């Protein structure tokens, strides 16, 4: 039987972490967490679960440099696994259909079916029904410990690769077909895993989004003044007002014990 482990980078995820753990723990062999200095109670929850044996926690893993240190941290996190497959799971991802986890074949990587949600912290929750890809390539067969992580998604701009490559530090480029993402053209072997998750995310303040995007663009070699101008109009920053996004009121999953 294949061994499957998740790996997750976290910092101050108390809103999601209990539901995340409850949905994943019964269906995987191990969960690895690299914490970047949480101060909101996340560590206490993880330490408690770590006593059960399936959760491993590595503390004080806060990257200083978004590109170089963050990528190294990803690779270090992946290399901490001794497994057939690694699933990169965001802390706000709730597993809802685990049936196919043990049916993974020999492909290097798989797409995951997701339903994406966003909301203001403490406010209403909305499902993003247009403007974001419904498949996220985040399951890896660990043939190569230096494979690194590759994302595929769509946030309202054909220039989304600028953001992805700046985070992952690789040369990944999304391939576009007539109907959107053309995974058949991707240089790695891709298959649909059939694993379904709900992906929740707080919508951070505009200032925080601009600051993060400026750093991403600077990592791509942009001049500071140009990066600031571009960041202010980038879909990652303006997406709540971007016509390519359609939001529908939604409810939190019962595991989150929240009300929209």
Protein backbone atom coordinates (compact mmCIF):
# COMPACT_ATOMS: atom_id res chain seq x y z
CA UNK A 1 0.00 0.00 0.00
CA UNK A 2 1.28 3.47 -0.89
CA UNK A 3 2.40 5.85 1.83
CA UNK A 4 0.89 9.31 1.57
CA UNK A 5 1.92 12.31 3.64
CA UNK A 6 0.97 15.96 3.62
CA UNK A 7 3.32 18.89 4.09
CA UNK A 8 2.22 22.37 5.07
CA UNK A 9 3.84 25.73 5.78
CA UNK A 10 1.96 27.65 8.43
CA UNK A 11 1.88 30.81 10.51
CA UNK A 12 -1.02 31.89 12.73
CA UNK A 13 -3.61 29.49 11.32
CA UNK A 14 -5.74 28.95 14.43
CA UNK A 15 -8.92 29.68 12.48
CA UNK A 16 -8.43 26.66 10.24
CA UNK A 17 -5.96 24.24 11.75
CA UNK A 18 -8.27 22.08 13.88
CA UNK A 19 -10.67 21.43 11.00
CA UNK A 20 -7.74 20.84 8.67
CA UNK A 21 -6.26 18.22 10.98
CA UNK A 22 -9.60 16.52 11.63
CA UNK A 23 -10.32 16.12 7.90
CA UNK A 24 -6.86 14.82 6.88
CA UNK A 25 -5.47 12.77 9.77
CA UNK A 26 -7.65 9.64 9.29
CA UNK A 27 -6.65 9.29 5.64
CA UNK A 28 -2.88 9.89 5.45
CA UNK A 29 0.17 8.30 7.07
CA UNK A 30 1.77 11.48 8.36
CA UNK A 31 1.39 15.26 8.36
CA UNK A 32 4.44 17.53 8.37
CA UNK A 33 4.11 21.16 9.48
CA UNK A 34 6.77 23.87 9.23
CA UNK A 35 5.69 26.76 11.46
CA UNK A 36 6.95 30.29 10.91
CA UNK A 37 6.51 31.57 14.44
CA UNK A 38 2.79 31.33 15.20
CA UNK A 39 1.57 33.27 18.22
CA UNK A 40 -2.21 32.74 18.02
CA UNK A 41 -2.61 29.25 19.50
CA UNK A 42 -1.79 27.27 16.35
CA UNK A 43 1.31 25.73 17.91
CA UNK A 44 -0.55 24.51 20.97
CA UNK A 45 -3.08 22.67 18.78
CA UNK A 46 -0.35 21.07 16.69
CA UNK A 47 1.73 20.07 19.69
CA UNK A 48 -1.31 18.35 21.16
CA UNK A 49 -1.90 16.39 17.92
CA UNK A 50 1.81 15.59 17.60
CA UNK A 51 1.52 13.40 20.66
CA UNK A 52 -0.65 11.05 18.61
CA UNK A 53 2.24 10.17 16.31
CA UNK A 54 0.86 11.19 12.89
CA UNK A 55 1.75 14.88 13.16
CA UNK A 56 5.34 16.17 13.05
CA UNK A 57 5.95 19.83 13.87
CA UNK A 58 9.06 21.83 12.99
CA UNK A 59 9.09 25.23 14.66
CA UNK A 60 10.83 28.56 13.93
CA UNK A 61 10.76 28.15 10.15
CA UNK A 62 10.11 31.74 9.09
CA UNK A 63 11.62 32.67 5.68
CA UNK A 64 13.26 36.07 5.35
CA UNK A 65 13.42 36.11 1.56
CA UNK A 66 10.22 35.33 -0.34
CA UNK A 67 11.97 33.69 -3.28
CA UNK A 68 15.18 32.02 -2.13
CA UNK A 69 14.34 31.15 1.48
CA UNK A 70 10.74 30.20 0.78
CA UNK A 71 11.71 27.82 -2.01
CA UNK A 72 14.45 26.28 0.14
CA UNK A 73 11.90 25.85 2.91
CA UNK A 74 9.51 24.06 0.55
CA UNK A 75 12.23 21.70 -0.58
CA UNK A 76 13.40 21.11 2.98
CA UNK A 77 9.84 20.32 3.97
CA UNK A 78 9.47 17.85 1.10
CA UNK A 79 12.79 16.18 1.87
CA UNK A 80 11.63 15.62 5.45
CA UNK A 81 9.18 13.05 4.04
CA UNK A 82 9.90 9.38 3.51
CA UNK A 83 6.90 8.41 1.45
CA UNK A 84 5.57 7.48 -1.95
CA UNK A 85 3.50 10.62 -2.34
CA UNK A 86 3.52 14.11 -0.88
CA UNK A 87 0.44 16.31 -0.86
CA UNK A 88 1.02 20.04 -0.46
CA UNK A 89 -1.96 21.05 1.66
CA UNK A 90 -2.74 24.61 2.62
CA UNK A 91 -3.85 24.91 6.26
CA UNK A 92 -7.21 26.26 5.09
CA UNK A 93 -7.85 23.19 2.89
CA UNK A 94 -10.54 20.84 4.19
CA UNK A 95 -10.50 17.33 2.70
CA UNK A 96 -14.02 16.27 1.69
CA UNK A 97 -13.47 13.28 -0.62
CA UNK A 98 -10.52 11.13 0.51
CA UNK A 99 -11.55 8.01 -1.38
CA UNK A 100 -8.90 8.31 -4.10
CA UNK A 101 -5.91 9.01 -1.86
CA UNK A 102 -4.87 5.34 -1.86
CA UNK A 103 -5.52 4.96 -5.59
CA UNK A 104 -2.74 7.22 -6.82
CA UNK A 105 -0.80 5.69 -9.69
CA UNK A 106 2.69 6.31 -11.03
CA UNK A 107 2.35 9.86 -12.34
CA UNK A 108 4.80 12.41 -11.01
CA UNK A 109 2.01 14.79 -10.09
CA UNK A 110 -1.75 15.17 -9.98
CA UNK A 111 -4.35 17.88 -10.04
CA UNK A 112 -6.76 18.22 -7.13
CA UNK A 113 -10.37 19.24 -7.55
CA UNK A 114 -11.10 22.24 -5.34
CA UNK A 115 -13.93 24.54 -4.42
CA UNK A 116 -12.49 27.92 -3.50
CA UNK A 117 -13.89 30.32 -0.94
CA UNK A 118 -12.86 33.76 0.28
CA UNK A 119 -14.09 36.20 2.87
CA UNK A 120 -13.16 39.14 4.97
CA UNK A 121 -11.81 38.04 8.37
CA UNK A 122 -14.80 37.80 10.68
CA UNK A 123 -17.20 38.61 7.86
CA UNK A 124 -19.32 36.87 5.25
CA UNK A 125 -18.02 33.97 3.18
CA UNK A 126 -18.24 33.74 -0.61
CA UNK A 127 -17.51 30.96 -3.08
CA UNK A 128 -15.47 32.00 -6.12
CA UNK A 129 -17.36 30.40 -8.99
CA UNK A 130 -15.50 32.13 -11.82
CA UNK A 131 -11.99 33.52 -12.01
CA UNK A 132 -10.06 30.72 -10.35
CA UNK A 133 -9.02 27.31 -11.61
CA UNK A 134 -10.91 24.35 -10.23
CA UNK A 135 -7.81 22.14 -10.33
CA UNK A 136 -4.65 22.63 -8.32
CA UNK A 137 -1.58 20.56 -9.10
CA UNK A 138 -0.35 19.75 -5.60
CA UNK A 139 0.26 15.99 -5.31
CA UNK A 140 3.77 14.75 -6.03
CA UNK A 141 5.36 11.35 -6.40
CA UNK A 142 8.69 11.72 -4.65
CA UNK A 143 10.96 10.31 -7.33
CA UNK A 144 13.08 13.42 -7.24
CA UNK A 145 13.57 15.17 -3.87
CA UNK A 146 14.48 18.40 -5.67
CA UNK A 147 11.40 18.42 -7.88
CA UNK A 148 10.00 21.39 -5.98
CA UNK A 149 6.43 22.61 -6.10
CA UNK A 150 4.55 23.78 -9.15
CA UNK A 151 1.22 25.55 -9.11
CA UNK A 152 -1.41 25.92 -11.78
CA UNK A 153 -4.27 28.31 -11.31
CA UNK A 154 -6.05 31.35 -12.69
CA UNK A 155 -6.80 34.56 -10.81
CA UNK A 156 -8.05 36.73 -13.63
CA UNK A 157 -4.81 37.42 -15.48
CA UNK A 158 -2.76 35.63 -18.14
CA UNK A 159 0.30 37.01 -16.34
CA UNK A 160 -0.36 34.85 -13.28
CA UNK A 161 2.90 32.97 -13.94
CA UNK A 162 4.76 36.02 -12.72
CA UNK A 163 3.34 35.37 -9.29
CA UNK A 164 3.74 31.61 -9.30
CA UNK A 165 7.35 31.52 -10.47
CA UNK A 166 8.35 34.16 -7.96
CA UNK A 167 7.04 32.03 -5.13
CA UNK A 168 8.28 28.65 -6.30
CA UNK A 169 11.55 29.83 -7.82
CA UNK A 170 11.16 27.43 -10.74
CA UNK A 171 10.57 27.94 -14.46
CA UNK A 172 6.97 26.76 -14.41
CA UNK A 173 4.73 28.31 -17.02
CA UNK A 174 1.01 27.64 -17.27
CA UNK A 175 -0.01 26.32 -20.69
CA UNK A 176 -3.14 27.83 -22.14
CA UNK A 177 -5.55 26.08 -24.49
CA UNK A 178 -8.81 27.21 -26.06
CA UNK A 179 -10.69 26.18 -22.92
CA UNK A 180 -8.22 27.46 -20.37
CA UNK A 181 -5.45 25.40 -18.82
CA UNK A 182 -4.05 22.70 -21.09
CA UNK A 183 -2.42 20.24 -18.71
CA UNK A 184 -1.53 17.89 -21.57
CA UNK A 185 1.13 20.40 -22.65
CA UNK A 186 2.72 20.56 -19.23
CA UNK A 187 6.27 19.14 -19.11
CA UNK A 188 5.45 16.76 -16.25
CA UNK A 189 3.04 13.85 -16.26
CA UNK A 190 -0.29 15.11 -14.96
CA UNK A 191 -3.39 13.17 -14.01
CA UNK A 192 -6.57 14.11 -12.18
CA UNK A 193 -6.46 12.57 -8.72
CA UNK A 194 -10.18 12.83 -8.08
CA UNK A 195 -9.41 14.05 -4.56
CA UNK A 196 -11.71 16.90 -3.59
CA UNK A 197 -11.00 19.66 -1.09
CA UNK A 198 -12.61 22.87 0.07
CA UNK A 199 -10.10 25.73 0.03
CA UNK A 200 -10.92 28.68 2.26
CA UNK A 201 -8.96 31.90 2.41
CA UNK A 202 -9.27 35.20 4.20
CA UNK A 203 -9.18 38.25 1.99
CA UNK A 204 -6.38 40.36 3.43
CA UNK A 205 -6.21 44.12 3.40
CA UNK A 206 -5.32 45.89 0.18
CA UNK A 207 -2.09 47.22 1.72
CA UNK A 208 -0.94 43.69 2.61
CA UNK A 209 -1.74 42.41 -0.87
CA UNK A 210 0.17 45.26 -2.51
CA UNK A 211 3.20 44.70 -0.31
CA UNK A 212 3.25 40.98 -1.10
CA UNK A 213 2.88 41.55 -4.85
CA UNK A 214 5.66 44.16 -4.89
CA UNK A 215 8.00 41.59 -3.33
CA UNK A 216 6.98 39.02 -5.92
CA UNK A 217 7.65 41.40 -8.80
CA UNK A 218 10.98 42.48 -7.36
CA UNK A 219 11.96 38.81 -7.22
CA UNK A 220 11.20 38.69 -10.94
CA UNK A 221 13.63 41.52 -11.63
CA UNK A 222 11.21 44.44 -11.84
CA UNK A 223 12.43 47.91 -10.92
CA UNK A 224 10.99 49.12 -7.61
CA UNK A 225 8.97 52.00 -9.08
CA UNK A 226 7.51 49.80 -11.83
CA UNK A 227 6.75 47.01 -9.36
CA UNK A 228 4.77 49.38 -7.14
CA UNK A 229 2.72 50.68 -10.09
CA UNK A 230 2.02 47.17 -11.40
CA UNK A 231 1.17 45.80 -7.96
CA UNK A 232 -1.54 48.41 -7.44
CA UNK A 233 -3.46 47.19 -10.51
CA UNK A 234 -2.55 43.50 -10.42
CA UNK A 235 -5.58 41.13 -10.26
CA UNK A 236 -4.17 39.59 -7.07
CA UNK A 237 -4.63 42.99 -5.45
CA UNK A 238 -7.82 44.20 -7.11
CA UNK A 239 -9.59 40.87 -7.49
CA UNK A 240 -12.62 41.75 -5.38
CA UNK A 241 -13.48 44.43 -7.93
CA UNK A 242 -12.27 42.49 -10.97
CA UNK A 243 -15.04 41.68 -13.43
CA UNK A 244 -13.51 38.26 -14.08
CA UNK A 245 -14.48 37.14 -10.58
CA UNK A 246 -17.96 36.05 -9.57
CA UNK A 247 -18.66 35.57 -5.86
CA UNK A 248 -21.65 33.63 -4.50
CA UNK A 249 -22.64 33.72 -0.80
CA UNK A 250 -21.62 30.48 0.92
CA UNK A 251 -21.53 28.72 4.28
CA UNK A 252 -18.53 27.44 6.20
CA UNK A 253 -17.99 23.69 6.36
CA UNK A 254 -19.38 22.24 9.63
CA UNK A 255 -15.86 21.29 10.74
CA UNK A 256 -14.97 24.98 10.91
CA UNK A 257 -17.82 25.69 13.32
CA UNK A 258 -18.22 29.14 11.86
CA UNK A 259 -21.16 31.10 10.57
CA UNK A 260 -20.99 33.33 7.56
